[in-house]
C-alpha atoms as a PDB file:
ATOM      1  CA  MET A   1     147.549 169.283  90.659  1.00  0.00           C
ATOM      2  CA  ALA A   2     145.893 165.835  88.598  1.00  0.00           C
ATOM      3  CA  LYS A   3     147.342 162.641  88.646  1.00  0.00           C
ATOM      4  CA  ILE A   4     148.462 161.121  84.883  1.00  0.00           C
ATOM      5  CA  GLN A   5     147.579 157.617  84.464  1.00  0.00           C
ATOM      6  CA  PHE A   6     149.140 155.224  82.130  1.00  0.00           C
ATOM      7  CA  GLU A   7     147.578 153.144  80.504  1.00  0.00           C
ATOM      8  CA  LEU A   8     149.993 150.503  77.989  1.00  0.00           C
ATOM      9  CA  SER A   9     149.537 148.671  75.207  1.00  0.00           C
ATOM     10  CA  ALA A  10     150.310 145.431  74.897  1.00  0.00           C
ATOM     11  CA  LYS A  11     152.570 144.206  72.012  1.00  0.00           C
ATOM     12  CA  PRO A  12     150.502 141.445  69.949  1.00  0.00           C
ATOM     13  CA  SER A  13     152.659 138.529  69.765  1.00  0.00           C
ATOM     14  CA  LYS A  14     153.773 136.498  67.030  1.00  0.00           C
ATOM     15  CA  ALA A  15     150.776 133.750  67.667  1.00  0.00           C
ATOM     16  CA  GLU A  16     148.099 136.595  67.724  1.00  0.00           C
ATOM     17  CA  LYS A  17     149.871 137.650  64.622  1.00  0.00           C
ATOM     18  CA  LEU A  18     149.327 134.491  62.957  1.00  0.00           C
ATOM     19  CA  ALA A  19     145.937 133.883  64.304  1.00  0.00           C
ATOM     20  CA  LYS A  20     144.718 137.151  62.607  1.00  0.00           C
ATOM     21  CA  GLY A  21     146.363 136.958  59.188  1.00  0.00           C
ATOM     22  CA  GLN A  22     149.254 139.439  59.503  1.00  0.00           C
ATOM     23  CA  SER A  23     153.106 139.486  59.942  1.00  0.00           C
ATOM     24  CA  GLY A  24     155.715 142.174  60.308  1.00  0.00           C
ATOM     25  CA  PHE A  25     154.961 145.378  61.706  1.00  0.00           C
ATOM     26  CA  VAL A  26     151.469 145.390  62.841  1.00  0.00           C
ATOM     27  CA  PRO A  27     150.183 149.503  64.588  1.00  0.00           C
ATOM     28  CA  VAL A  28     148.527 149.545  67.868  1.00  0.00           C
ATOM     29  CA  ALA A  29     144.980 151.309  67.837  1.00  0.00           C
ATOM     30  CA  ALA A  30     145.803 152.920  71.099  1.00  0.00           C
ATOM     31  CA  ARG A  31     149.970 154.144  70.260  1.00  0.00           C
ATOM     32  CA  TRP A  32     148.447 155.288  66.886  1.00  0.00           C
ATOM     33  CA  VAL A  33     146.629 158.039  67.970  1.00  0.00           C
ATOM     34  CA  ILE A  34     149.046 159.009  69.724  1.00  0.00           C
ATOM     35  CA  GLU A  35     151.466 159.545  67.243  1.00  0.00           C
ATOM     36  CA  ARG A  36     149.246 161.172  64.896  1.00  0.00           C
ATOM     37  CA  SER A  37     148.785 163.576  67.130  1.00  0.00           C
ATOM     38  CA  ASN A  38     152.418 163.837  67.760  1.00  0.00           C
ATOM     39  CA  ALA A  39     152.779 164.497  63.440  1.00  0.00           C
ATOM     40  CA  TRP A  40     149.996 166.803  63.657  1.00  0.00           C
ATOM     41  CA  VAL A  41     151.478 169.158  66.530  1.00  0.00           C
ATOM     42  CA  GLU A  42     155.039 169.129  64.854  1.00  0.00           C
ATOM     43  CA  ARG A  43     153.371 171.061  61.840  1.00  0.00           C
ATOM     44  CA  CYS A  44     152.764 174.490  63.881  1.00  0.00           C
ATOM     45  CA  LYS A  45     155.975 176.612  63.683  1.00  0.00           C
ATOM     46  CA  SER A  46     155.508 177.422  67.098  1.00  0.00           C
ATOM     47  CA  LEU A  47     155.583 174.438  69.408  1.00  0.00           C
ATOM     48  CA  VAL A  48     159.354 172.886  66.605  1.00  0.00           C
ATOM     49  CA  LYS A  49     161.461 174.353  69.995  1.00  0.00           C
ATOM     50  CA  ASN A  50     160.235 175.620  73.651  1.00  0.00           C
ATOM     51  CA  PHE A  51     160.854 178.690  73.887  1.00  0.00           C
ATOM     52  CA  GLU A  52     158.083 179.443  76.691  1.00  0.00           C
ATOM     53  CA  ARG A  53     159.393 180.113  80.399  1.00  0.00           C
ATOM     54  CA  THR A  54     156.212 178.095  81.853  1.00  0.00           C
ATOM     55  CA  LEU A  55     154.278 175.476  81.093  1.00  0.00           C
ATOM     56  CA  ALA A  56     150.907 177.344  81.579  1.00  0.00           C
ATOM     57  CA  ARG A  57     152.034 179.112  78.183  1.00  0.00           C
ATOM     58  CA  SER A  58     153.678 175.883  76.341  1.00  0.00           C
ATOM     59  CA  ASN A  59     150.041 174.200  77.762  1.00  0.00           C
ATOM     60  CA  ALA A  60     147.719 177.273  75.730  1.00  0.00           C
ATOM     61  CA  LYS A  61     150.638 177.026  73.108  1.00  0.00           C
ATOM     62  CA  LEU A  62     149.416 173.041  72.196  1.00  0.00           C
ATOM     63  CA  LYS A  63     146.020 174.103  73.099  1.00  0.00           C
ATOM     64  CA  LEU A  64     145.952 176.942  70.378  1.00  0.00           C
ATOM     65  CA  CYS A  65     147.484 174.225  67.767  1.00  0.00           C
ATOM     66  CA  PHE A  66     144.822 171.560  68.525  1.00  0.00           C
ATOM     67  CA  ILE A  67     142.090 174.628  67.706  1.00  0.00           C
ATOM     68  CA  ARG A  68     143.720 175.834  64.661  1.00  0.00           C
ATOM     69  CA  LEU A  69     143.432 172.528  63.359  1.00  0.00           C
ATOM     70  CA  MET A  70     140.006 171.803  64.238  1.00  0.00           C
ATOM     71  CA  LEU A  71     138.702 175.008  62.798  1.00  0.00           C
ATOM     72  CA  LYS A  72     141.303 173.553  59.164  1.00  0.00           C
ATOM     73  CA  ARG A  73     139.067 170.524  59.273  1.00  0.00           C
ATOM     74  CA  LEU A  74     136.007 172.558  60.204  1.00  0.00           C
ATOM     75  CA  ALA A  75     136.139 175.238  57.493  1.00  0.00           C
ATOM     76  CA  THR A  76     136.609 172.464  54.745  1.00  0.00           C
ATOM     77  CA  ALA A  77     133.770 169.541  55.664  1.00  0.00           C
END
C-alpha cells in the first residue's frame, strides 16, 4: 500500500494579513482546492452516503464522479 503524505497549510497570522492589507477570513490556497473538490463530490447523489462494501468500489465511484465532472466541463468548452 502507498503511504499518504499530508502537507499542512499554515494559517496566515494577523501581521501577515495586515501586511497584505487583508482582514477577516482569508482562504488558504491548498485548503480551498480540497474544499472545492469536496463540494463537487457532494453533487454526486450516489456518493452522499457510502453504501459500498469494499474500498475498491468506493474508489471506483469516486473516480466516475470526477470523470463525469470533467466530461461536462469539456462538453461546454
